[in-house]
Amino acid sequence: MATKKKMTLYLPEELLNDMRQEALRQDRSLSWIMEAAWKVARERLREMPGVDELYEDFEAAS
């Protein structure tokens, strides 16, 4: 079993309310919803350019 660690995240109130509603709908915890969202979004996020890549693009355009 994976080790669990406590973490504090600051989220916009509207996003947190949406997550709470979804957690209630699925009868799941907020932690479960956050973990599931990360697993779904992980590959899509990896396709986005990082800060270094954006900086390189900016330098090349100058």
PDB file of N, CA and C in Angstrom:
ATOM      1  N   MET A   1       0.834  -1.174   0.000  1.00  0.00           N
ATOM      2  CA  MET A   1       0.000   0.000   0.000  1.00  0.00           C
ATOM      3  C   MET A   1       0.887   1.249   0.000  1.00  0.00           C
ATOM      4  N   ALA A   2       0.504   2.229  -0.752  1.00  0.00           N
ATOM      5  CA  ALA A   2       1.288   3.456  -0.847  1.00  0.00           C
ATOM      6  C   ALA A   2       1.201   4.252   0.447  1.00  0.00           C
ATOM      7  N   THR A   3       2.307   4.915   0.773  1.00  0.00           N
ATOM      8  CA  THR A   3       2.332   5.778   1.938  1.00  0.00           C
ATOM      9  C   THR A   3       1.503   7.022   1.666  1.00  0.00           C
ATOM     10  N   LYS A   4       0.700   7.415   2.632  1.00  0.00           N
ATOM     11  CA  LYS A   4      -0.132   8.603   2.479  1.00  0.00           C
ATOM     12  C   LYS A   4       0.494   9.735   3.269  1.00  0.00           C
ATOM     13  N   LYS A   5       0.483  10.932   2.691  1.00  0.00           N
ATOM     14  CA  LYS A   5       1.013  12.117   3.348  1.00  0.00           C
ATOM     15  C   LYS A   5      -0.024  13.219   3.286  1.00  0.00           C
ATOM     16  N   LYS A   6      -0.082  13.990   4.342  1.00  0.00           N
ATOM     17  CA  LYS A   6      -1.017  15.098   4.389  1.00  0.00           C
ATOM     18  C   LYS A   6      -0.444  16.286   3.632  1.00  0.00           C
ATOM     19  N   MET A   7      -1.317  16.983   2.881  1.00  0.00           N
ATOM     20  CA  MET A   7      -0.892  18.137   2.104  1.00  0.00           C
ATOM     21  C   MET A   7      -2.011  19.171   2.150  1.00  0.00           C
ATOM     22  N   THR A   8      -1.627  20.418   2.160  1.00  0.00           N
ATOM     23  CA  THR A   8      -2.607  21.493   2.121  1.00  0.00           C
ATOM     24  C   THR A   8      -2.592  22.108   0.729  1.00  0.00           C
ATOM     25  N   LEU A   9      -3.756  22.198   0.125  1.00  0.00           N
ATOM     26  CA  LEU A   9      -3.900  22.831  -1.180  1.00  0.00           C
ATOM     27  C   LEU A   9      -4.851  24.003  -1.035  1.00  0.00           C
ATOM     28  N   TYR A  10      -4.540  25.096  -1.691  1.00  0.00           N
ATOM     29  CA  TYR A  10      -5.413  26.256  -1.698  1.00  0.00           C
ATOM     30  C   TYR A  10      -6.087  26.310  -3.054  1.00  0.00           C
ATOM     31  N   LEU A  11      -7.399  26.142  -3.056  1.00  0.00           N
ATOM     32  CA  LEU A  11      -8.176  26.077  -4.291  1.00  0.00           C
ATOM     33  C   LEU A  11      -9.225  27.171  -4.287  1.00  0.00           C
ATOM     34  N   PRO A  12      -9.577  27.671  -5.464  1.00  0.00           N
ATOM     35  CA  PRO A  12     -10.681  28.626  -5.520  1.00  0.00           C
ATOM     36  C   PRO A  12     -11.951  27.990  -4.951  1.00  0.00           C
ATOM     37  N   GLU A  13     -12.737  28.796  -4.262  1.00  0.00           N
ATOM     38  CA  GLU A  13     -13.930  28.282  -3.592  1.00  0.00           C
ATOM     39  C   GLU A  13     -14.878  27.574  -4.558  1.00  0.00           C
ATOM     40  N   GLU A  14     -15.039  28.131  -5.754  1.00  0.00           N
ATOM     41  CA  GLU A  14     -15.941  27.524  -6.738  1.00  0.00           C
ATOM     42  C   GLU A  14     -15.465  26.121  -7.134  1.00  0.00           C
ATOM     43  N   LEU A  15     -14.158  25.959  -7.334  1.00  0.00           N
ATOM     44  CA  LEU A  15     -13.608  24.650  -7.680  1.00  0.00           C
ATOM     45  C   LEU A  15     -13.816  23.669  -6.533  1.00  0.00           C
ATOM     46  N   LEU A  16     -13.552  24.103  -5.322  1.00  0.00           N
ATOM     47  CA  LEU A  16     -13.737  23.239  -4.165  1.00  0.00           C
ATOM     48  C   LEU A  16     -15.198  22.831  -4.011  1.00  0.00           C
ATOM     49  N   ASN A  17     -16.107  23.752  -4.239  1.00  0.00           N
ATOM     50  CA  ASN A  17     -17.535  23.415  -4.169  1.00  0.00           C
ATOM     51  C   ASN A  17     -17.914  22.394  -5.228  1.00  0.00           C
ATOM     52  N   ASP A  18     -17.380  22.561  -6.438  1.00  0.00           N
ATOM     53  CA  ASP A  18     -17.639  21.584  -7.508  1.00  0.00           C
ATOM     54  C   ASP A  18     -17.120  20.206  -7.119  1.00  0.00           C
ATOM     55  N   MET A  19     -15.916  20.179  -6.532  1.00  0.00           N
ATOM     56  CA  MET A  19     -15.333  18.903  -6.118  1.00  0.00           C
ATOM     57  C   MET A  19     -16.160  18.260  -5.010  1.00  0.00           C
ATOM     58  N   ARG A  20     -16.638  19.066  -4.076  1.00  0.00           N
ATOM     59  CA  ARG A  20     -17.482  18.525  -2.997  1.00  0.00           C
ATOM     60  C   ARG A  20     -18.766  17.921  -3.561  1.00  0.00           C
ATOM     61  N   GLN A  21     -19.384  18.616  -4.498  1.00  0.00           N
ATOM     62  CA  GLN A  21     -20.611  18.099  -5.112  1.00  0.00           C
ATOM     63  C   GLN A  21     -20.342  16.774  -5.822  1.00  0.00           C
ATOM     64  N   GLU A  22     -19.225  16.700  -6.533  1.00  0.00           N
ATOM     65  CA  GLU A  22     -18.889  15.461  -7.237  1.00  0.00           C
ATOM     66  C   GLU A  22     -18.578  14.341  -6.254  1.00  0.00           C
ATOM     67  N   ALA A  23     -17.905  14.670  -5.165  1.00  0.00           N
ATOM     68  CA  ALA A  23     -17.616  13.670  -4.133  1.00  0.00           C
ATOM     69  C   ALA A  23     -18.913  13.121  -3.532  1.00  0.00           C
ATOM     70  N   LEU A  24     -19.865  14.005  -3.280  1.00  0.00           N
ATOM     71  CA  LEU A  24     -21.162  13.550  -2.770  1.00  0.00           C
ATOM     72  C   LEU A  24     -21.886  12.676  -3.797  1.00  0.00           C
ATOM     73  N   ARG A  25     -21.853  13.108  -5.052  1.00  0.00           N
ATOM     74  CA  ARG A  25     -22.522  12.363  -6.115  1.00  0.00           C
ATOM     75  C   ARG A  25     -21.974  10.946  -6.229  1.00  0.00           C
ATOM     76  N   GLN A  26     -20.645  10.828  -6.109  1.00  0.00           N
ATOM     77  CA  GLN A  26     -20.011   9.517  -6.261  1.00  0.00           C
ATOM     78  C   GLN A  26     -19.840   8.780  -4.932  1.00  0.00           C
ATOM     79  N   ASP A  27     -20.257   9.409  -3.846  1.00  0.00           N
ATOM     80  CA  ASP A  27     -20.076   8.849  -2.505  1.00  0.00           C
ATOM     81  C   ASP A  27     -18.606   8.507  -2.267  1.00  0.00           C
ATOM     82  N   ARG A  28     -17.755   9.476  -2.576  1.00  0.00           N
ATOM     83  CA  ARG A  28     -16.294   9.343  -2.430  1.00  0.00           C
ATOM     84  C   ARG A  28     -15.762  10.497  -1.599  1.00  0.00           C
ATOM     85  N   SER A  29     -14.519  10.394  -1.166  1.00  0.00           N
ATOM     86  CA  SER A  29     -13.874  11.476  -0.418  1.00  0.00           C
ATOM     87  C   SER A  29     -13.302  12.508  -1.384  1.00  0.00           C
ATOM     88  N   LEU A  30     -13.036  13.700  -0.848  1.00  0.00           N
ATOM     89  CA  LEU A  30     -12.368  14.720  -1.674  1.00  0.00           C
ATOM     90  C   LEU A  30     -10.994  14.227  -2.126  1.00  0.00           C
ATOM     91  N   SER A  31     -10.303  13.523  -1.259  1.00  0.00           N
ATOM     92  CA  SER A  31      -8.988  12.976  -1.629  1.00  0.00           C
ATOM     93  C   SER A  31      -9.100  12.033  -2.819  1.00  0.00           C
ATOM     94  N   TRP A  32     -10.118  11.182  -2.796  1.00  0.00           N
ATOM     95  CA  TRP A  32     -10.313  10.241  -3.897  1.00  0.00           C
ATOM     96  C   TRP A  32     -10.593  10.992  -5.192  1.00  0.00           C
ATOM     97  N   ILE A  33     -11.449  12.027  -5.116  1.00  0.00           N
ATOM     98  CA  ILE A  33     -11.780  12.827  -6.300  1.00  0.00           C
ATOM     99  C   ILE A  33     -10.519  13.492  -6.853  1.00  0.00           C
ATOM    100  N   MET A  34      -9.698  14.074  -5.973  1.00  0.00           N
ATOM    101  CA  MET A  34      -8.471  14.749  -6.409  1.00  0.00           C
ATOM    102  C   MET A  34      -7.501  13.755  -7.051  1.00  0.00           C
ATOM    103  N   GLU A  35      -7.348  12.587  -6.451  1.00  0.00           N
ATOM    104  CA  GLU A  35      -6.449  11.576  -7.012  1.00  0.00           C
ATOM    105  C   GLU A  35      -6.948  11.079  -8.367  1.00  0.00           C
ATOM    106  N   ALA A  36      -8.247  10.850  -8.478  1.00  0.00           N
ATOM    107  CA  ALA A  36      -8.816  10.392  -9.746  1.00  0.00           C
ATOM    108  C   ALA A  36      -8.655  11.459 -10.824  1.00  0.00           C
ATOM    109  N   ALA A  37      -8.880  12.722 -10.463  1.00  0.00           N
ATOM    110  CA  ALA A  37      -8.723  13.821 -11.428  1.00  0.00           C
ATOM    111  C   ALA A  37      -7.286  13.890 -11.922  1.00  0.00           C
ATOM    112  N   TRP A  38      -6.332  13.714 -11.012  1.00  0.00           N
ATOM    113  CA  TRP A  38      -4.919  13.745 -11.413  1.00  0.00           C
ATOM    114  C   TRP A  38      -4.618  12.601 -12.382  1.00  0.00           C
ATOM    115  N   LYS A  39      -5.101  11.425 -12.093  1.00  0.00           N
ATOM    116  CA  LYS A  39      -4.839  10.275 -12.970  1.00  0.00           C
ATOM    117  C   LYS A  39      -5.428  10.493 -14.357  1.00  0.00           C
ATOM    118  N   VAL A  40      -6.597  11.104 -14.429  1.00  0.00           N
ATOM    119  CA  VAL A  40      -7.232  11.374 -15.719  1.00  0.00           C
ATOM    120  C   VAL A  40      -6.473  12.458 -16.478  1.00  0.00           C
ATOM    121  N   ALA A  41      -6.011  13.490 -15.778  1.00  0.00           N
ATOM    122  CA  ALA A  41      -5.396  14.663 -16.430  1.00  0.00           C
ATOM    123  C   ALA A  41      -3.897  14.537 -16.651  1.00  0.00           C
ATOM    124  N   ARG A  42      -3.243  13.597 -16.005  1.00  0.00           N
ATOM    125  CA  ARG A  42      -1.776  13.513 -16.017  1.00  0.00           C
ATOM    126  C   ARG A  42      -1.171  13.540 -17.424  1.00  0.00           C
ATOM    127  N   GLU A  43      -1.642  12.692 -18.318  1.00  0.00           N
ATOM    128  CA  GLU A  43      -1.066  12.632 -19.661  1.00  0.00           C
ATOM    129  C   GLU A  43      -1.295  13.931 -20.429  1.00  0.00           C
ATOM    130  N   ARG A  44      -2.469  14.496 -20.278  1.00  0.00           N
ATOM    131  CA  ARG A  44      -2.767  15.759 -20.962  1.00  0.00           C
ATOM    132  C   ARG A  44      -1.857  16.886 -20.458  1.00  0.00           C
ATOM    133  N   LEU A  45      -1.607  16.908 -19.166  1.00  0.00           N
ATOM    134  CA  LEU A  45      -0.723  17.928 -18.603  1.00  0.00           C
ATOM    135  C   LEU A  45       0.716  17.748 -19.083  1.00  0.00           C
ATOM    136  N   ARG A  46       1.143  16.515 -19.254  1.00  0.00           N
ATOM    137  CA  ARG A  46       2.509  16.259 -19.728  1.00  0.00           C
ATOM    138  C   ARG A  46       2.725  16.759 -21.156  1.00  0.00           C
ATOM    139  N   GLU A  47       1.638  16.893 -21.907  1.00  0.00           N
ATOM    140  CA  GLU A  47       1.743  17.396 -23.280  1.00  0.00           C
ATOM    141  C   GLU A  47       1.917  18.908 -23.321  1.00  0.00           C
ATOM    142  N   MET A  48       1.619  19.584 -22.228  1.00  0.00           N
ATOM    143  CA  MET A  48       1.726  21.045 -22.190  1.00  0.00           C
ATOM    144  C   MET A  48       3.194  21.444 -22.037  1.00  0.00           C
ATOM    145  N   PRO A  49       3.591  22.544 -22.681  1.00  0.00           N
ATOM    146  CA  PRO A  49       4.985  22.966 -22.555  1.00  0.00           C
ATOM    147  C   PRO A  49       5.297  23.427 -21.135  1.00  0.00           C
ATOM    148  N   GLY A  50       6.523  23.164 -20.708  1.00  0.00           N
ATOM    149  CA  GLY A  50       6.990  23.639 -19.410  1.00  0.00           C
ATOM    150  C   GLY A  50       7.506  25.063 -19.537  1.00  0.00           C
ATOM    151  N   VAL A  51       7.849  25.656 -18.407  1.00  0.00           N
ATOM    152  CA  VAL A  51       8.329  27.037 -18.392  1.00  0.00           C
ATOM    153  C   VAL A  51       9.586  27.179 -19.252  1.00  0.00           C
ATOM    154  N   ASP A  52      10.520  26.231 -19.159  1.00  0.00           N
ATOM    155  CA  ASP A  52      11.748  26.309 -19.945  1.00  0.00           C
ATOM    156  C   ASP A  52      11.457  26.284 -21.439  1.00  0.00           C
ATOM    157  N   GLU A  53      10.523  25.455 -21.844  1.00  0.00           N
ATOM    158  CA  GLU A  53      10.158  25.374 -23.263  1.00  0.00           C
ATOM    159  C   GLU A  53       9.502  26.667 -23.736  1.00  0.00           C
ATOM    160  N   LEU A  54       8.674  27.256 -22.907  1.00  0.00           N
ATOM    161  CA  LEU A  54       8.050  28.528 -23.269  1.00  0.00           C
ATOM    162  C   LEU A  54       9.102  29.623 -23.399  1.00  0.00           C
ATOM    163  N   TYR A  55      10.078  29.621 -22.494  1.00  0.00           N
ATOM    164  CA  TYR A  55      11.158  30.607 -22.546  1.00  0.00           C
ATOM    165  C   TYR A  55      11.992  30.431 -23.808  1.00  0.00           C
ATOM    166  N   GLU A  56      12.294  29.186 -24.171  1.00  0.00           N
ATOM    167  CA  GLU A  56      13.058  28.918 -25.395  1.00  0.00           C
ATOM    168  C   GLU A  56      12.303  29.406 -26.616  1.00  0.00           C
ATOM    169  N   ASP A  57      10.995  29.177 -26.659  1.00  0.00           N
ATOM    170  CA  ASP A  57      10.167  29.650 -27.776  1.00  0.00           C
ATOM    171  C   ASP A  57      10.181  31.162 -27.840  1.00  0.00           C
ATOM    172  N   PHE A  58      10.127  31.823 -26.682  1.00  0.00           N
ATOM    173  CA  PHE A  58      10.144  33.280 -26.631  1.00  0.00           C
ATOM    174  C   PHE A  58      11.481  33.824 -27.150  1.00  0.00           C
ATOM    175  N   GLU A  59      12.581  33.193 -26.730  1.00  0.00           N
ATOM    176  CA  GLU A  59      13.913  33.609 -27.156  1.00  0.00           C
ATOM    177  C   GLU A  59      14.076  33.398 -28.676  1.00  0.00           C
ATOM    178  N   ALA A  60      13.561  32.303 -29.198  1.00  0.00           N
ATOM    179  CA  ALA A  60      13.696  32.012 -30.618  1.00  0.00           C
ATOM    180  C   ALA A  60      12.909  33.023 -31.465  1.00  0.00           C
ATOM    181  N   ALA A  61      11.809  33.512 -30.933  1.00  0.00           N
ATOM    182  CA  ALA A  61      10.968  34.452 -31.675  1.00  0.00           C
ATOM    183  C   ALA A  61      11.544  35.866 -31.639  1.00  0.00           C
ATOM    184  N   SER A  62      12.450  36.142 -30.703  1.00  0.00           N
ATOM    185  CA  SER A  62      13.006  37.502 -30.552  1.00  0.00           C
ATOM    186  C   SER A  62      14.064  37.800 -31.588  1.00  0.00           C
TER     187      SER A  62
END
